[in-house]
Amino acid sequence: MKEFIEYIAKHLVDHPDQVDLEEKEPEDNKVVLALKVHPDDVGKVIGKQGRTAQAMRTLLTAIAAKEGQRAILEILD
């Protein structure tokens, strides 16, 4: 799950070496992933009107549901 989102993010940005994905403490079937990218790349990860971020969240939700979990993606500034 974490590797998949990291893979997508690294291919969207201009500075893939500065992509940092942190998994926060899971609480009863809920996983929170915090994505941090270079300040110039935040717009590329979010996309126009948040569509790219929403697509990433949709994919993450589908993967988590397969594993019987709930996942949340936070994009940090």
PDB file of N, CA and C in Angstrom:
ATOM      1  N   MET A   1       0.839  -1.187   0.000  1.00  0.00           N
ATOM      2  CA  MET A   1       0.000   0.000   0.000  1.00  0.00           C
ATOM      3  C   MET A   1       0.884   1.251   0.000  1.00  0.00           C
ATOM      4  N   LYS A   2       1.799   1.327   0.949  1.00  0.00           N
ATOM      5  CA  LYS A   2       2.694   2.480   1.061  1.00  0.00           C
ATOM      6  C   LYS A   2       3.589   2.573  -0.173  1.00  0.00           C
ATOM      7  N   GLU A   3       4.114   1.456  -0.622  1.00  0.00           N
ATOM      8  CA  GLU A   3       5.012   1.444  -1.773  1.00  0.00           C
ATOM      9  C   GLU A   3       4.296   1.897  -3.040  1.00  0.00           C
ATOM     10  N   PHE A   4       3.041   1.535  -3.172  1.00  0.00           N
ATOM     11  CA  PHE A   4       2.265   1.899  -4.353  1.00  0.00           C
ATOM     12  C   PHE A   4       2.064   3.409  -4.447  1.00  0.00           C
ATOM     13  N   ILE A   5       1.676   4.046  -3.358  1.00  0.00           N
ATOM     14  CA  ILE A   5       1.468   5.494  -3.350  1.00  0.00           C
ATOM     15  C   ILE A   5       2.798   6.219  -3.565  1.00  0.00           C
ATOM     16  N   GLU A   6       3.861   5.696  -2.962  1.00  0.00           N
ATOM     17  CA  GLU A   6       5.183   6.292  -3.141  1.00  0.00           C
ATOM     18  C   GLU A   6       5.618   6.202  -4.610  1.00  0.00           C
ATOM     19  N   TYR A   7       5.350   5.086  -5.245  1.00  0.00           N
ATOM     20  CA  TYR A   7       5.668   4.889  -6.662  1.00  0.00           C
ATOM     21  C   TYR A   7       4.932   5.910  -7.535  1.00  0.00           C
ATOM     22  N   ILE A   8       3.660   6.091  -7.288  1.00  0.00           N
ATOM     23  CA  ILE A   8       2.866   7.053  -8.055  1.00  0.00           C
ATOM     24  C   ILE A   8       3.399   8.470  -7.848  1.00  0.00           C
ATOM     25  N   ALA A   9       3.631   8.828  -6.613  1.00  0.00           N
ATOM     26  CA  ALA A   9       4.098  10.179  -6.299  1.00  0.00           C
ATOM     27  C   ALA A   9       5.446  10.472  -6.947  1.00  0.00           C
ATOM     28  N   LYS A  10       6.359   9.518  -6.903  1.00  0.00           N
ATOM     29  CA  LYS A  10       7.684   9.730  -7.490  1.00  0.00           C
ATOM     30  C   LYS A  10       7.626   9.936  -8.994  1.00  0.00           C
ATOM     31  N   HIS A  11       6.638   9.354  -9.641  1.00  0.00           N
ATOM     32  CA  HIS A  11       6.521   9.519 -11.085  1.00  0.00           C
ATOM     33  C   HIS A  11       5.750  10.775 -11.482  1.00  0.00           C
ATOM     34  N   LEU A  12       5.137  11.443 -10.540  1.00  0.00           N
ATOM     35  CA  LEU A  12       4.399  12.671 -10.826  1.00  0.00           C
ATOM     36  C   LEU A  12       5.253  13.927 -10.660  1.00  0.00           C
ATOM     37  N   VAL A  13       6.264  13.878  -9.818  1.00  0.00           N
ATOM     38  CA  VAL A  13       6.990  15.076  -9.416  1.00  0.00           C
ATOM     39  C   VAL A  13       8.305  15.252 -10.179  1.00  0.00           C
ATOM     40  N   ASP A  14       8.870  16.469 -10.065  1.00  0.00           N
ATOM     41  CA  ASP A  14      10.163  16.775 -10.679  1.00  0.00           C
ATOM     42  C   ASP A  14      11.328  16.408  -9.775  1.00  0.00           C
ATOM     43  N   HIS A  15      11.080  16.305  -8.481  1.00  0.00           N
ATOM     44  CA  HIS A  15      12.110  15.972  -7.498  1.00  0.00           C
ATOM     45  C   HIS A  15      11.745  14.663  -6.790  1.00  0.00           C
ATOM     46  N   PRO A  16      11.897  13.515  -7.477  1.00  0.00           N
ATOM     47  CA  PRO A  16      11.471  12.251  -6.859  1.00  0.00           C
ATOM     48  C   PRO A  16      12.297  11.854  -5.641  1.00  0.00           C
ATOM     49  N   ASP A  17      13.501  12.390  -5.517  1.00  0.00           N
ATOM     50  CA  ASP A  17      14.331  12.047  -4.370  1.00  0.00           C
ATOM     51  C   ASP A  17      13.834  12.697  -3.078  1.00  0.00           C
ATOM     52  N   GLN A  18      12.948  13.693  -3.195  1.00  0.00           N
ATOM     53  CA  GLN A  18      12.433  14.376  -2.015  1.00  0.00           C
ATOM     54  C   GLN A  18      11.007  13.953  -1.658  1.00  0.00           C
ATOM     55  N   VAL A  19      10.561  12.847  -2.205  1.00  0.00           N
ATOM     56  CA  VAL A  19       9.252  12.295  -1.845  1.00  0.00           C
ATOM     57  C   VAL A  19       9.415  11.496  -0.560  1.00  0.00           C
ATOM     58  N   ASP A  20       8.614  11.833   0.431  1.00  0.00           N
ATOM     59  CA  ASP A  20       8.677  11.148   1.714  1.00  0.00           C
ATOM     60  C   ASP A  20       7.270  10.722   2.112  1.00  0.00           C
ATOM     61  N   LEU A  21       7.081   9.445   2.300  1.00  0.00           N
ATOM     62  CA  LEU A  21       5.778   8.914   2.690  1.00  0.00           C
ATOM     63  C   LEU A  21       5.926   8.242   4.042  1.00  0.00           C
ATOM     64  N   GLU A  22       5.182   8.754   5.000  1.00  0.00           N
ATOM     65  CA  GLU A  22       5.276   8.265   6.368  1.00  0.00           C
ATOM     66  C   GLU A  22       3.961   7.611   6.767  1.00  0.00           C
ATOM     67  N   GLU A  23       4.064   6.432   7.352  1.00  0.00           N
ATOM     68  CA  GLU A  23       2.873   5.727   7.813  1.00  0.00           C
ATOM     69  C   GLU A  23       2.708   6.001   9.305  1.00  0.00           C
ATOM     70  N   LYS A  24       1.598   6.625   9.652  1.00  0.00           N
ATOM     71  CA  LYS A  24       1.336   6.937  11.054  1.00  0.00           C
ATOM     72  C   LYS A  24       0.771   5.718  11.750  1.00  0.00           C
ATOM     73  N   GLU A  25       0.749   5.770  13.056  1.00  0.00           N
ATOM     74  CA  GLU A  25       0.276   4.641  13.858  1.00  0.00           C
ATOM     75  C   GLU A  25      -1.128   4.213  13.450  1.00  0.00           C
ATOM     76  N   PRO A  26      -1.273   2.953  13.067  1.00  0.00           N
ATOM     77  CA  PRO A  26      -2.615   2.476  12.692  1.00  0.00           C
ATOM     78  C   PRO A  26      -3.518   2.321  13.916  1.00  0.00           C
ATOM     79  N   GLU A  27      -4.750   2.718  13.734  1.00  0.00           N
ATOM     80  CA  GLU A  27      -5.767   2.559  14.779  1.00  0.00           C
ATOM     81  C   GLU A  27      -6.864   1.663  14.221  1.00  0.00           C
ATOM     82  N   ASP A  28      -7.234   0.657  14.944  1.00  0.00           N
ATOM     83  CA  ASP A  28      -8.256  -0.315  14.552  1.00  0.00           C
ATOM     84  C   ASP A  28      -8.655  -0.245  13.071  1.00  0.00           C
ATOM     85  N   ASN A  29      -7.904  -0.943  12.248  1.00  0.00           N
ATOM     86  CA  ASN A  29      -8.140  -1.069  10.804  1.00  0.00           C
ATOM     87  C   ASN A  29      -8.087   0.243  10.042  1.00  0.00           C
ATOM     88  N   LYS A  30      -7.405   1.258  10.574  1.00  0.00           N
ATOM     89  CA  LYS A  30      -7.278   2.527   9.858  1.00  0.00           C
ATOM     90  C   LYS A  30      -5.799   2.880   9.747  1.00  0.00           C
ATOM     91  N   VAL A  31      -5.345   3.098   8.519  1.00  0.00           N
ATOM     92  CA  VAL A  31      -3.958   3.463   8.263  1.00  0.00           C
ATOM     93  C   VAL A  31      -3.940   4.883   7.710  1.00  0.00           C
ATOM     94  N   VAL A  32      -3.066   5.726   8.255  1.00  0.00           N
ATOM     95  CA  VAL A  32      -2.935   7.101   7.788  1.00  0.00           C
ATOM     96  C   VAL A  32      -1.556   7.257   7.159  1.00  0.00           C
ATOM     97  N   LEU A  33      -1.534   7.646   5.878  1.00  0.00           N
ATOM     98  CA  LEU A  33      -0.285   7.882   5.174  1.00  0.00           C
ATOM     99  C   LEU A  33      -0.122   9.379   4.958  1.00  0.00           C
ATOM    100  N   ALA A  34       1.036   9.910   5.342  1.00  0.00           N
ATOM    101  CA  ALA A  34       1.327  11.333   5.183  1.00  0.00           C
ATOM    102  C   ALA A  34       2.376  11.482   4.088  1.00  0.00           C
ATOM    103  N   LEU A  35       2.021  12.179   3.017  1.00  0.00           N
ATOM    104  CA  LEU A  35       2.895  12.369   1.865  1.00  0.00           C
ATOM    105  C   LEU A  35       3.475  13.774   1.894  1.00  0.00           C
ATOM    106  N   LYS A  36       4.796  13.840   1.831  1.00  0.00           N
ATOM    107  CA  LYS A  36       5.476  15.131   1.815  1.00  0.00           C
ATOM    108  C   LYS A  36       6.374  15.173   0.586  1.00  0.00           C
ATOM    109  N   VAL A  37       6.252  16.253  -0.207  1.00  0.00           N
ATOM    110  CA  VAL A  37       7.051  16.414  -1.414  1.00  0.00           C
ATOM    111  C   VAL A  37       7.727  17.784  -1.396  1.00  0.00           C
ATOM    112  N   HIS A  38       8.601  18.017  -2.354  1.00  0.00           N
ATOM    113  CA  HIS A  38       9.273  19.307  -2.511  1.00  0.00           C
ATOM    114  C   HIS A  38       8.198  20.387  -2.700  1.00  0.00           C
ATOM    115  N   PRO A  39       8.394  21.581  -2.134  1.00  0.00           N
ATOM    116  CA  PRO A  39       7.377  22.643  -2.254  1.00  0.00           C
ATOM    117  C   PRO A  39       6.963  22.969  -3.689  1.00  0.00           C
ATOM    118  N   ASP A  40       7.860  22.822  -4.641  1.00  0.00           N
ATOM    119  CA  ASP A  40       7.511  23.092  -6.045  1.00  0.00           C
ATOM    120  C   ASP A  40       6.614  22.010  -6.633  1.00  0.00           C
ATOM    121  N   ASP A  41       6.575  20.840  -6.013  1.00  0.00           N
ATOM    122  CA  ASP A  41       5.834  19.706  -6.562  1.00  0.00           C
ATOM    123  C   ASP A  41       4.471  19.479  -5.925  1.00  0.00           C
ATOM    124  N   VAL A  42       4.115  20.278  -4.945  1.00  0.00           N
ATOM    125  CA  VAL A  42       2.839  20.077  -4.248  1.00  0.00           C
ATOM    126  C   VAL A  42       1.671  20.180  -5.234  1.00  0.00           C
ATOM    127  N   GLY A  43       1.727  21.139  -6.113  1.00  0.00           N
ATOM    128  CA  GLY A  43       0.659  21.321  -7.102  1.00  0.00           C
ATOM    129  C   GLY A  43       0.527  20.138  -8.041  1.00  0.00           C
ATOM    130  N   LYS A  44       1.629  19.498  -8.362  1.00  0.00           N
ATOM    131  CA  LYS A  44       1.577  18.340  -9.261  1.00  0.00           C
ATOM    132  C   LYS A  44       0.935  17.142  -8.582  1.00  0.00           C
ATOM    133  N   VAL A  45       1.150  17.005  -7.298  1.00  0.00           N
ATOM    134  CA  VAL A  45       0.559  15.882  -6.561  1.00  0.00           C
ATOM    135  C   VAL A  45      -0.930  16.126  -6.329  1.00  0.00           C
ATOM    136  N   ILE A  46      -1.300  17.377  -6.093  1.00  0.00           N
ATOM    137  CA  ILE A  46      -2.713  17.697  -5.865  1.00  0.00           C
ATOM    138  C   ILE A  46      -3.479  17.713  -7.182  1.00  0.00           C
ATOM    139  N   GLY A  47      -2.919  18.322  -8.213  1.00  0.00           N
ATOM    140  CA  GLY A  47      -3.561  18.360  -9.522  1.00  0.00           C
ATOM    141  C   GLY A  47      -4.611  19.452  -9.608  1.00  0.00           C
ATOM    142  N   LYS A  48      -5.137  19.629 -10.801  1.00  0.00           N
ATOM    143  CA  LYS A  48      -6.168  20.644 -11.016  1.00  0.00           C
ATOM    144  C   LYS A  48      -7.431  20.271 -10.263  1.00  0.00           C
ATOM    145  N   GLN A  49      -7.885  21.190  -9.445  1.00  0.00           N
ATOM    146  CA  GLN A  49      -9.078  21.023  -8.617  1.00  0.00           C
ATOM    147  C   GLN A  49      -9.002  19.769  -7.734  1.00  0.00           C
ATOM    148  N   GLY A  50      -7.775  19.327  -7.429  1.00  0.00           N
ATOM    149  CA  GLY A  50      -7.592  18.187  -6.535  1.00  0.00           C
ATOM    150  C   GLY A  50      -7.870  16.838  -7.152  1.00  0.00           C
ATOM    151  N   ARG A  51      -7.918  16.787  -8.462  1.00  0.00           N
ATOM    152  CA  ARG A  51      -8.287  15.529  -9.123  1.00  0.00           C
ATOM    153  C   ARG A  51      -7.219  14.450  -8.989  1.00  0.00           C
ATOM    154  N   THR A  52      -5.949  14.825  -9.078  1.00  0.00           N
ATOM    155  CA  THR A  52      -4.878  13.833  -8.946  1.00  0.00           C
ATOM    156  C   THR A  52      -4.859  13.267  -7.535  1.00  0.00           C
ATOM    157  N   ALA A  53      -4.982  14.139  -6.542  1.00  0.00           N
ATOM    158  CA  ALA A  53      -5.005  13.689  -5.151  1.00  0.00           C
ATOM    159  C   ALA A  53      -6.212  12.789  -4.902  1.00  0.00           C
ATOM    160  N   GLN A  54      -7.339  13.145  -5.460  1.00  0.00           N
ATOM    161  CA  GLN A  54      -8.543  12.331  -5.276  1.00  0.00           C
ATOM    162  C   GLN A  54      -8.386  10.968  -5.931  1.00  0.00           C
ATOM    163  N   ALA A  55      -7.742  10.924  -7.089  1.00  0.00           N
ATOM    164  CA  ALA A  55      -7.510   9.648  -7.764  1.00  0.00           C
ATOM    165  C   ALA A  55      -6.585   8.762  -6.939  1.00  0.00           C
ATOM    166  N   MET A  56      -5.537   9.364  -6.360  1.00  0.00           N
ATOM    167  CA  MET A  56      -4.622   8.599  -5.508  1.00  0.00           C
ATOM    168  C   MET A  56      -5.355   8.066  -4.278  1.00  0.00           C
ATOM    169  N   ARG A  57      -6.233   8.876  -3.716  1.00  0.00           N
ATOM    170  CA  ARG A  57      -7.007   8.438  -2.535  1.00  0.00           C
ATOM    171  C   ARG A  57      -7.967   7.308  -2.905  1.00  0.00           C
ATOM    172  N   THR A  58      -8.549   7.376  -4.090  1.00  0.00           N
ATOM    173  CA  THR A  58      -9.458   6.324  -4.545  1.00  0.00           C
ATOM    174  C   THR A  58      -8.720   5.001  -4.702  1.00  0.00           C
ATOM    175  N   LEU A  59      -7.539   5.055  -5.321  1.00  0.00           N
ATOM    176  CA  LEU A  59      -6.741   3.842  -5.479  1.00  0.00           C
ATOM    177  C   LEU A  59      -6.310   3.282  -4.125  1.00  0.00           C
ATOM    178  N   LEU A  60      -5.915   4.162  -3.224  1.00  0.00           N
ATOM    179  CA  LEU A  60      -5.511   3.740  -1.889  1.00  0.00           C
ATOM    180  C   LEU A  60      -6.673   3.087  -1.145  1.00  0.00           C
ATOM    181  N   THR A  61      -7.850   3.656  -1.282  1.00  0.00           N
ATOM    182  CA  THR A  61      -9.039   3.093  -0.637  1.00  0.00           C
ATOM    183  C   THR A  61      -9.333   1.690  -1.171  1.00  0.00           C
ATOM    184  N   ALA A  62      -9.181   1.501  -2.474  1.00  0.00           N
ATOM    185  CA  ALA A  62      -9.437   0.192  -3.079  1.00  0.00           C
ATOM    186  C   ALA A  62      -8.434  -0.847  -2.590  1.00  0.00           C
ATOM    187  N   ILE A  63      -7.166  -0.464  -2.503  1.00  0.00           N
ATOM    188  CA  ILE A  63      -6.143  -1.396  -2.026  1.00  0.00           C
ATOM    189  C   ILE A  63      -6.376  -1.749  -0.559  1.00  0.00           C
ATOM    190  N   ALA A  64      -6.701  -0.742   0.238  1.00  0.00           N
ATOM    191  CA  ALA A  64      -6.935  -0.971   1.665  1.00  0.00           C
ATOM    192  C   ALA A  64      -8.163  -1.852   1.882  1.00  0.00           C
ATOM    193  N   ALA A  65      -9.204  -1.641   1.102  1.00  0.00           N
ATOM    194  CA  ALA A  65     -10.418  -2.434   1.250  1.00  0.00           C
ATOM    195  C   ALA A  65     -10.147  -3.905   0.952  1.00  0.00           C
ATOM    196  N   LYS A  66      -9.248  -4.154   0.008  1.00  0.00           N
ATOM    197  CA  LYS A  66      -8.880  -5.528  -0.308  1.00  0.00           C
ATOM    198  C   LYS A  66      -8.238  -6.225   0.888  1.00  0.00           C
ATOM    199  N   GLU A  67      -7.528  -5.441   1.705  1.00  0.00           N
ATOM    200  CA  GLU A  67      -6.861  -5.976   2.884  1.00  0.00           C
ATOM    201  C   GLU A  67      -7.722  -5.863   4.140  1.00  0.00           C
ATOM    202  N   GLY A  68      -8.956  -5.388   3.977  1.00  0.00           N
ATOM    203  CA  GLY A  68      -9.858  -5.265   5.113  1.00  0.00           C
ATOM    204  C   GLY A  68      -9.532  -4.099   6.019  1.00  0.00           C
ATOM    205  N   GLN A  69      -8.922  -3.056   5.456  1.00  0.00           N
ATOM    206  CA  GLN A  69      -8.548  -1.888   6.234  1.00  0.00           C
ATOM    207  C   GLN A  69      -9.173  -0.632   5.635  1.00  0.00           C
ATOM    208  N   ARG A  70      -8.956   0.468   6.332  1.00  0.00           N
ATOM    209  CA  ARG A  70      -9.385   1.777   5.852  1.00  0.00           C
ATOM    210  C   ARG A  70      -8.138   2.643   5.802  1.00  0.00           C
ATOM    211  N   ALA A  71      -7.934   3.370   4.711  1.00  0.00           N
ATOM    212  CA  ALA A  71      -6.719   4.162   4.560  1.00  0.00           C
ATOM    213  C   ALA A  71      -7.054   5.611   4.246  1.00  0.00           C
ATOM    214  N   ILE A  72      -6.217   6.510   4.774  1.00  0.00           N
ATOM    215  CA  ILE A  72      -6.381   7.937   4.561  1.00  0.00           C
ATOM    216  C   ILE A  72      -5.047   8.491   4.064  1.00  0.00           C
ATOM    217  N   LEU A  73      -5.092   9.314   3.028  1.00  0.00           N
ATOM    218  CA  LEU A  73      -3.886   9.938   2.490  1.00  0.00           C
ATOM    219  C   LEU A  73      -3.912  11.415   2.801  1.00  0.00           C
ATOM    220  N   GLU A  74      -2.882  11.878   3.521  1.00  0.00           N
ATOM    221  CA  GLU A  74      -2.731  13.292   3.822  1.00  0.00           C
ATOM    222  C   GLU A  74      -1.563  13.825   3.006  1.00  0.00           C
ATOM    223  N   ILE A  75      -1.762  14.968   2.362  1.00  0.00           N
ATOM    224  CA  ILE A  75      -0.693  15.602   1.606  1.00  0.00           C
ATOM    225  C   ILE A  75      -0.256  16.829   2.405  1.00  0.00           C
ATOM    226  N   LEU A  76       0.993  16.780   2.872  1.00  0.00           N
ATOM    227  CA  LEU A  76       1.516  17.841   3.720  1.00  0.00           C
ATOM    228  C   LEU A  76       2.184  18.922   2.882  1.00  0.00           C
ATOM    229  N   ASP A  77       2.090  20.166   3.347  1.00  0.00           N
ATOM    230  CA  ASP A  77       2.744  21.274   2.653  1.00  0.00           C
ATOM    231  C   ASP A  77       4.184  21.358   3.072  1.00  0.00           C
TER     232      ASP A  77
END
